[in-house]
Amino acid sequence: MESLWQKNVNEILEDKKILDKECTADVCIIGGGITGISTAYNLSKVGKKVIILEREELANKATGNTTAKVTSQHRIIL
């Protein structure tokens, strides 16, 4: 089963390539999981140029394999 993140990462991120030259951006995000991708997406929507640095694949590992659901079995931690 393919996750929603893995299925849509190419649509969410316009330009996904290896950093092989010097470049500039308004914001550099370290980590291409759900937090990094969401932050980059929202910053780009307000006109910021964003670079995401990820050691492996974007939207993979925990992000790529999560169902991101909350159920009645989850306790509220106070």
PDB file of N, CA and C in Angstrom:
ATOM      1  N   MET A   1       0.847  -1.183   0.000  1.00  0.00           N
ATOM      2  CA  MET A   1       0.000   0.000   0.000  1.00  0.00           C
ATOM      3  C   MET A   1       0.888   1.241   0.000  1.00  0.00           C
ATOM      4  N   GLU A   2       0.643   2.147  -0.913  1.00  0.00           N
ATOM      5  CA  GLU A   2       1.424   3.376  -1.009  1.00  0.00           C
ATOM      6  C   GLU A   2       0.776   4.466  -0.175  1.00  0.00           C
ATOM      7  N   SER A   3       1.602   5.191   0.576  1.00  0.00           N
ATOM      8  CA  SER A   3       1.056   6.237   1.434  1.00  0.00           C
ATOM      9  C   SER A   3       0.680   7.472   0.625  1.00  0.00           C
ATOM     10  N   LEU A   4      -0.183   8.293   1.184  1.00  0.00           N
ATOM     11  CA  LEU A   4      -0.602   9.541   0.558  1.00  0.00           C
ATOM     12  C   LEU A   4       0.595  10.452   0.318  1.00  0.00           C
ATOM     13  N   TRP A   5       1.511  10.519   1.295  1.00  0.00           N
ATOM     14  CA  TRP A   5       2.699  11.365   1.152  1.00  0.00           C
ATOM     15  C   TRP A   5       3.572  10.890   0.000  1.00  0.00           C
ATOM     16  N   GLN A   6       3.849   9.602  -0.063  1.00  0.00           N
ATOM     17  CA  GLN A   6       4.707   9.090  -1.130  1.00  0.00           C
ATOM     18  C   GLN A   6       4.051   9.244  -2.494  1.00  0.00           C
ATOM     19  N   LYS A   7       2.753   9.091  -2.532  1.00  0.00           N
ATOM     20  CA  LYS A   7       2.022   9.189  -3.792  1.00  0.00           C
ATOM     21  C   LYS A   7       2.020  10.625  -4.338  1.00  0.00           C
ATOM     22  N   ASN A   8       2.008  11.623  -3.454  1.00  0.00           N
ATOM     23  CA  ASN A   8       1.840  13.013  -3.877  1.00  0.00           C
ATOM     24  C   ASN A   8       3.068  13.897  -3.716  1.00  0.00           C
ATOM     25  N   VAL A   9       4.190  13.350  -3.266  1.00  0.00           N
ATOM     26  CA  VAL A   9       5.356  14.186  -3.006  1.00  0.00           C
ATOM     27  C   VAL A   9       5.815  14.933  -4.255  1.00  0.00           C
ATOM     28  N   ASN A  10       5.729  14.337  -5.426  1.00  0.00           N
ATOM     29  CA  ASN A  10       6.161  15.012  -6.648  1.00  0.00           C
ATOM     30  C   ASN A  10       5.241  16.160  -7.037  1.00  0.00           C
ATOM     31  N   GLU A  11       3.970  16.072  -6.688  1.00  0.00           N
ATOM     32  CA  GLU A  11       3.037  17.168  -6.960  1.00  0.00           C
ATOM     33  C   GLU A  11       3.217  18.301  -5.961  1.00  0.00           C
ATOM     34  N   ILE A  12       3.536  17.944  -4.717  1.00  0.00           N
ATOM     35  CA  ILE A  12       3.712  18.948  -3.666  1.00  0.00           C
ATOM     36  C   ILE A  12       4.993  19.742  -3.892  1.00  0.00           C
ATOM     37  N   LEU A  13       6.047  19.044  -4.250  1.00  0.00           N
ATOM     38  CA  LEU A  13       7.340  19.681  -4.464  1.00  0.00           C
ATOM     39  C   LEU A  13       7.594  19.834  -5.957  1.00  0.00           C
ATOM     40  N   GLU A  14       7.684  21.061  -6.418  1.00  0.00           N
ATOM     41  CA  GLU A  14       7.836  21.319  -7.846  1.00  0.00           C
ATOM     42  C   GLU A  14       9.176  20.850  -8.396  1.00  0.00           C
ATOM     43  N   ASP A  15      10.239  21.071  -7.647  1.00  0.00           N
ATOM     44  CA  ASP A  15      11.576  20.815  -8.173  1.00  0.00           C
ATOM     45  C   ASP A  15      12.336  19.933  -7.190  1.00  0.00           C
ATOM     46  N   LYS A  16      12.421  18.663  -7.475  1.00  0.00           N
ATOM     47  CA  LYS A  16      13.054  17.702  -6.573  1.00  0.00           C
ATOM     48  C   LYS A  16      14.324  17.186  -7.225  1.00  0.00           C
ATOM     49  N   LYS A  17      15.470  17.722  -6.808  1.00  0.00           N
ATOM     50  CA  LYS A  17      16.720  17.280  -7.406  1.00  0.00           C
ATOM     51  C   LYS A  17      17.847  17.315  -6.383  1.00  0.00           C
ATOM     52  N   ILE A  18      18.944  16.737  -6.753  1.00  0.00           N
ATOM     53  CA  ILE A  18      20.124  16.695  -5.891  1.00  0.00           C
ATOM     54  C   ILE A  18      20.807  18.054  -5.912  1.00  0.00           C
ATOM     55  N   LEU A  19      21.211  18.517  -4.741  1.00  0.00           N
ATOM     56  CA  LEU A  19      21.947  19.770  -4.634  1.00  0.00           C
ATOM     57  C   LEU A  19      23.371  19.540  -5.106  1.00  0.00           C
ATOM     58  N   ASP A  20      23.686  20.049  -6.290  1.00  0.00           N
ATOM     59  CA  ASP A  20      25.004  19.818  -6.870  1.00  0.00           C
ATOM     60  C   ASP A  20      25.729  21.107  -7.243  1.00  0.00           C
ATOM     61  N   LYS A  21      25.185  22.229  -6.787  1.00  0.00           N
ATOM     62  CA  LYS A  21      25.807  23.524  -7.058  1.00  0.00           C
ATOM     63  C   LYS A  21      25.404  24.508  -5.965  1.00  0.00           C
ATOM     64  N   GLU A  22      26.059  25.633  -5.956  1.00  0.00           N
ATOM     65  CA  GLU A  22      25.735  26.665  -4.981  1.00  0.00           C
ATOM     66  C   GLU A  22      24.393  27.284  -5.350  1.00  0.00           C
ATOM     67  N   CYS A  23      23.555  27.520  -4.359  1.00  0.00           N
ATOM     68  CA  CYS A  23      22.260  28.132  -4.616  1.00  0.00           C
ATOM     69  C   CYS A  23      21.861  29.007  -3.430  1.00  0.00           C
ATOM     70  N   THR A  24      20.847  29.782  -3.610  1.00  0.00           N
ATOM     71  CA  THR A  24      20.363  30.666  -2.546  1.00  0.00           C
ATOM     72  C   THR A  24      18.871  30.439  -2.330  1.00  0.00           C
ATOM     73  N   ALA A  25      18.441  30.750  -1.116  1.00  0.00           N
ATOM     74  CA  ALA A  25      17.027  30.625  -0.767  1.00  0.00           C
ATOM     75  C   ALA A  25      16.743  31.544   0.412  1.00  0.00           C
ATOM     76  N   ASP A  26      15.469  31.816   0.633  1.00  0.00           N
ATOM     77  CA  ASP A  26      15.071  32.576   1.813  1.00  0.00           C
ATOM     78  C   ASP A  26      15.146  31.708   3.064  1.00  0.00           C
ATOM     79  N   VAL A  27      14.819  30.417   2.891  1.00  0.00           N
ATOM     80  CA  VAL A  27      14.768  29.484   4.022  1.00  0.00           C
ATOM     81  C   VAL A  27      15.363  28.151   3.588  1.00  0.00           C
ATOM     82  N   CYS A  28      16.160  27.557   4.470  1.00  0.00           N
ATOM     83  CA  CYS A  28      16.690  26.213   4.244  1.00  0.00           C
ATOM     84  C   CYS A  28      16.145  25.314   5.353  1.00  0.00           C
ATOM     85  N   ILE A  29      15.473  24.254   4.974  1.00  0.00           N
ATOM     86  CA  ILE A  29      14.872  23.327   5.933  1.00  0.00           C
ATOM     87  C   ILE A  29      15.670  22.035   5.915  1.00  0.00           C
ATOM     88  N   ILE A  30      16.046  21.577   7.100  1.00  0.00           N
ATOM     89  CA  ILE A  30      16.774  20.324   7.228  1.00  0.00           C
ATOM     90  C   ILE A  30      15.760  19.230   7.579  1.00  0.00           C
ATOM     91  N   GLY A  31      15.578  18.288   6.679  1.00  0.00           N
ATOM     92  CA  GLY A  31      14.666  17.176   6.915  1.00  0.00           C
ATOM     93  C   GLY A  31      13.441  17.242   6.032  1.00  0.00           C
ATOM     94  N   GLY A  32      13.237  16.191   5.254  1.00  0.00           N
ATOM     95  CA  GLY A  32      12.131  16.143   4.305  1.00  0.00           C
ATOM     96  C   GLY A  32      11.009  15.230   4.736  1.00  0.00           C
ATOM     97  N   GLY A  33      10.697  15.247   6.023  1.00  0.00           N
ATOM     98  CA  GLY A  33       9.541  14.503   6.519  1.00  0.00           C
ATOM     99  C   GLY A  33       8.307  15.383   6.485  1.00  0.00           C
ATOM    100  N   ILE A  34       7.264  14.974   7.174  1.00  0.00           N
ATOM    101  CA  ILE A  34       5.994  15.702   7.150  1.00  0.00           C
ATOM    102  C   ILE A  34       6.152  17.143   7.636  1.00  0.00           C
ATOM    103  N   THR A  35       6.964  17.361   8.666  1.00  0.00           N
ATOM    104  CA  THR A  35       7.146  18.717   9.184  1.00  0.00           C
ATOM    105  C   THR A  35       7.911  19.587   8.202  1.00  0.00           C
ATOM    106  N   GLY A  36       9.011  19.074   7.667  1.00  0.00           N
ATOM    107  CA  GLY A  36       9.806  19.847   6.720  1.00  0.00           C
ATOM    108  C   GLY A  36       9.056  20.158   5.440  1.00  0.00           C
ATOM    109  N   ILE A  37       8.376  19.164   4.892  1.00  0.00           N
ATOM    110  CA  ILE A  37       7.636  19.369   3.646  1.00  0.00           C
ATOM    111  C   ILE A  37       6.464  20.324   3.859  1.00  0.00           C
ATOM    112  N   SER A  38       5.745  20.164   4.960  1.00  0.00           N
ATOM    113  CA  SER A  38       4.608  21.054   5.245  1.00  0.00           C
ATOM    114  C   SER A  38       5.078  22.490   5.431  1.00  0.00           C
ATOM    115  N   THR A  39       6.175  22.660   6.141  1.00  0.00           N
ATOM    116  CA  THR A  39       6.729  24.000   6.362  1.00  0.00           C
ATOM    117  C   THR A  39       7.162  24.615   5.037  1.00  0.00           C
ATOM    118  N   ALA A  40       7.875  23.850   4.230  1.00  0.00           N
ATOM    119  CA  ALA A  40       8.331  24.349   2.926  1.00  0.00           C
ATOM    120  C   ALA A  40       7.148  24.717   2.039  1.00  0.00           C
ATOM    121  N   TYR A  41       6.145  23.884   2.016  1.00  0.00           N
ATOM    122  CA  TYR A  41       4.956  24.135   1.201  1.00  0.00           C
ATOM    123  C   TYR A  41       4.288  25.447   1.604  1.00  0.00           C
ATOM    124  N   ASN A  42       4.072  25.616   2.898  1.00  0.00           N
ATOM    125  CA  ASN A  42       3.395  26.829   3.374  1.00  0.00           C
ATOM    126  C   ASN A  42       4.242  28.078   3.170  1.00  0.00           C
ATOM    127  N   LEU A  43       5.545  27.985   3.363  1.00  0.00           N
ATOM    128  CA  LEU A  43       6.420  29.134   3.110  1.00  0.00           C
ATOM    129  C   LEU A  43       6.429  29.495   1.628  1.00  0.00           C
ATOM    130  N   SER A  44       6.405  28.500   0.760  1.00  0.00           N
ATOM    131  CA  SER A  44       6.405  28.783  -0.677  1.00  0.00           C
ATOM    132  C   SER A  44       5.104  29.458  -1.107  1.00  0.00           C
ATOM    133  N   LYS A  45       4.019  29.148  -0.428  1.00  0.00           N
ATOM    134  CA  LYS A  45       2.726  29.757  -0.750  1.00  0.00           C
ATOM    135  C   LYS A  45       2.692  31.249  -0.422  1.00  0.00           C
ATOM    136  N   VAL A  46       3.585  31.714   0.479  1.00  0.00           N
ATOM    137  CA  VAL A  46       3.655  33.145   0.792  1.00  0.00           C
ATOM    138  C   VAL A  46       4.853  33.802   0.105  1.00  0.00           C
ATOM    139  N   GLY A  47       5.393  33.115  -0.919  1.00  0.00           N
ATOM    140  CA  GLY A  47       6.410  33.721  -1.758  1.00  0.00           C
ATOM    141  C   GLY A  47       7.865  33.502  -1.366  1.00  0.00           C
ATOM    142  N   LYS A  48       8.124  32.638  -0.422  1.00  0.00           N
ATOM    143  CA  LYS A  48       9.502  32.366  -0.013  1.00  0.00           C
ATOM    144  C   LYS A  48      10.119  31.299  -0.902  1.00  0.00           C
ATOM    145  N   LYS A  49      11.396  31.471  -1.222  1.00  0.00           N
ATOM    146  CA  LYS A  49      12.138  30.434  -1.934  1.00  0.00           C
ATOM    147  C   LYS A  49      12.719  29.510  -0.863  1.00  0.00           C
ATOM    148  N   VAL A  50      12.401  28.230  -0.958  1.00  0.00           N
ATOM    149  CA  VAL A  50      12.752  27.269   0.090  1.00  0.00           C
ATOM    150  C   VAL A  50      13.578  26.130  -0.492  1.00  0.00           C
ATOM    151  N   ILE A  51      14.585  25.733   0.257  1.00  0.00           N
ATOM    152  CA  ILE A  51      15.366  24.545  -0.072  1.00  0.00           C
ATOM    153  C   ILE A  51      15.193  23.557   1.068  1.00  0.00           C
ATOM    154  N   ILE A  52      14.886  22.303   0.730  1.00  0.00           N
ATOM    155  CA  ILE A  52      14.822  21.234   1.725  1.00  0.00           C
ATOM    156  C   ILE A  52      16.051  20.360   1.544  1.00  0.00           C
ATOM    157  N   LEU A  53      16.783  20.142   2.613  1.00  0.00           N
ATOM    158  CA  LEU A  53      17.921  19.230   2.584  1.00  0.00           C
ATOM    159  C   LEU A  53      17.515  17.935   3.286  1.00  0.00           C
ATOM    160  N   GLU A  54      17.585  16.836   2.571  1.00  0.00           N
ATOM    161  CA  GLU A  54      17.220  15.523   3.101  1.00  0.00           C
ATOM    162  C   GLU A  54      18.318  14.538   2.734  1.00  0.00           C
ATOM    163  N   ARG A  55      18.784  13.786   3.694  1.00  0.00           N
ATOM    164  CA  ARG A  55      19.865  12.828   3.466  1.00  0.00           C
ATOM    165  C   ARG A  55      19.430  11.684   2.566  1.00  0.00           C
ATOM    166  N   GLU A  56      18.190  11.248   2.699  1.00  0.00           N
ATOM    167  CA  GLU A  56      17.721  10.093   1.928  1.00  0.00           C
ATOM    168  C   GLU A  56      16.592  10.521   0.997  1.00  0.00           C
ATOM    169  N   GLU A  57      15.429   9.919   1.107  1.00  0.00           N
ATOM    170  CA  GLU A  57      14.311  10.266   0.226  1.00  0.00           C
ATOM    171  C   GLU A  57      13.288  11.109   0.960  1.00  0.00           C
ATOM    172  N   LEU A  58      12.686  12.043   0.234  1.00  0.00           N
ATOM    173  CA  LEU A  58      11.633  12.871   0.812  1.00  0.00           C
ATOM    174  C   LEU A  58      10.401  12.028   1.104  1.00  0.00           C
ATOM    175  N   ALA A  59       9.698  12.397   2.156  1.00  0.00           N
ATOM    176  CA  ALA A  59       8.429  11.755   2.535  1.00  0.00           C
ATOM    177  C   ALA A  59       8.571  10.254   2.683  1.00  0.00           C
ATOM    178  N   ASN A  60       9.647   9.825   3.265  1.00  0.00           N
ATOM    179  CA  ASN A  60       9.913   8.408   3.414  1.00  0.00           C
ATOM    180  C   ASN A  60       9.975   8.054   4.896  1.00  0.00           C
ATOM    181  N   LYS A  61      10.278   6.848   5.220  1.00  0.00           N
ATOM    182  CA  LYS A  61      10.405   6.341   6.597  1.00  0.00           C
ATOM    183  C   LYS A  61       9.125   6.607   7.382  1.00  0.00           C
ATOM    184  N   ALA A  62       9.218   7.295   8.520  1.00  0.00           N
ATOM    185  CA  ALA A  62       8.039   7.486   9.379  1.00  0.00           C
ATOM    186  C   ALA A  62       6.930   8.243   8.649  1.00  0.00           C
ATOM    187  N   THR A  63       7.270   9.314   7.954  1.00  0.00           N
ATOM    188  CA  THR A  63       6.259  10.080   7.219  1.00  0.00           C
ATOM    189  C   THR A  63       5.614   9.251   6.126  1.00  0.00           C
ATOM    190  N   GLY A  64       6.417   8.553   5.368  1.00  0.00           N
ATOM    191  CA  GLY A  64       5.896   7.797   4.240  1.00  0.00           C
ATOM    192  C   GLY A  64       5.059   6.605   4.629  1.00  0.00           C
ATOM    193  N   ASN A  65       5.211   6.132   5.835  1.00  0.00           N
ATOM    194  CA  ASN A  65       4.510   4.925   6.251  1.00  0.00           C
ATOM    195  C   ASN A  65       3.483   5.149   7.352  1.00  0.00           C
ATOM    196  N   THR A  66       3.199   6.387   7.666  1.00  0.00           N
ATOM    197  CA  THR A  66       2.227   6.677   8.711  1.00  0.00           C
ATOM    198  C   THR A  66       0.813   6.729   8.147  1.00  0.00           C
ATOM    199  N   THR A  67      -0.136   6.418   8.975  1.00  0.00           N
ATOM    200  CA  THR A  67      -1.527   6.625   8.591  1.00  0.00           C
ATOM    201  C   THR A  67      -2.021   7.963   9.114  1.00  0.00           C
ATOM    202  N   ALA A  68      -1.220   8.575  10.007  1.00  0.00           N
ATOM    203  CA  ALA A  68      -1.506   9.907  10.552  1.00  0.00           C
ATOM    204  C   ALA A  68      -2.932  10.011  11.084  1.00  0.00           C
ATOM    205  N   LYS A  69      -3.335   9.033  11.811  1.00  0.00           N
ATOM    206  CA  LYS A  69      -4.696   9.047  12.339  1.00  0.00           C
ATOM    207  C   LYS A  69      -4.688   9.100  13.859  1.00  0.00           C
ATOM    208  N   VAL A  70      -5.715   9.628  14.388  1.00  0.00           N
ATOM    209  CA  VAL A  70      -5.923   9.648  15.831  1.00  0.00           C
ATOM    210  C   VAL A  70      -7.229   8.912  16.075  1.00  0.00           C
ATOM    211  N   THR A  71      -7.200   7.990  17.004  1.00  0.00           N
ATOM    212  CA  THR A  71      -8.404   7.220  17.302  1.00  0.00           C
ATOM    213  C   THR A  71      -8.747   7.348  18.777  1.00  0.00           C
ATOM    214  N   SER A  72      -9.837   6.761  19.150  1.00  0.00           N
ATOM    215  CA  SER A  72     -10.247   6.789  20.552  1.00  0.00           C
ATOM    216  C   SER A  72      -9.283   5.999  21.431  1.00  0.00           C
ATOM    217  N   GLN A  73      -8.425   5.210  20.834  1.00  0.00           N
ATOM    218  CA  GLN A  73      -7.452   4.442  21.610  1.00  0.00           C
ATOM    219  C   GLN A  73      -6.255   5.286  22.024  1.00  0.00           C
ATOM    220  N   HIS A  74      -6.094   6.468  21.461  1.00  0.00           N
ATOM    221  CA  HIS A  74      -4.996   7.360  21.844  1.00  0.00           C
ATOM    222  C   HIS A  74      -5.399   8.109  23.108  1.00  0.00           C
ATOM    223  N   ARG A  75      -4.525   8.091  24.082  1.00  0.00           N
ATOM    224  CA  ARG A  75      -4.802   8.789  25.335  1.00  0.00           C
ATOM    225  C   ARG A  75      -4.416  10.259  25.199  1.00  0.00           C
ATOM    226  N   ILE A  76      -5.101  11.089  25.930  1.00  0.00           N
ATOM    227  CA  ILE A  76      -4.730  12.497  26.014  1.00  0.00           C
ATOM    228  C   ILE A  76      -3.716  12.620  27.143  1.00  0.00           C
ATOM    229  N   ILE A  77      -2.558  13.164  26.822  1.00  0.00           N
ATOM    230  CA  ILE A  77      -1.510  13.314  27.820  1.00  0.00           C
ATOM    231  C   ILE A  77      -1.597  14.721  28.396  1.00  0.00           C
ATOM    232  N   LEU A  78      -1.777  14.794  29.686  1.00  0.00           N
ATOM    233  CA  LEU A  78      -1.886  16.102  30.344  1.00  0.00           C
ATOM    234  C   LEU A  78      -0.615  16.445  31.063  1.00  0.00           C
TER     235      LEU A  78
END
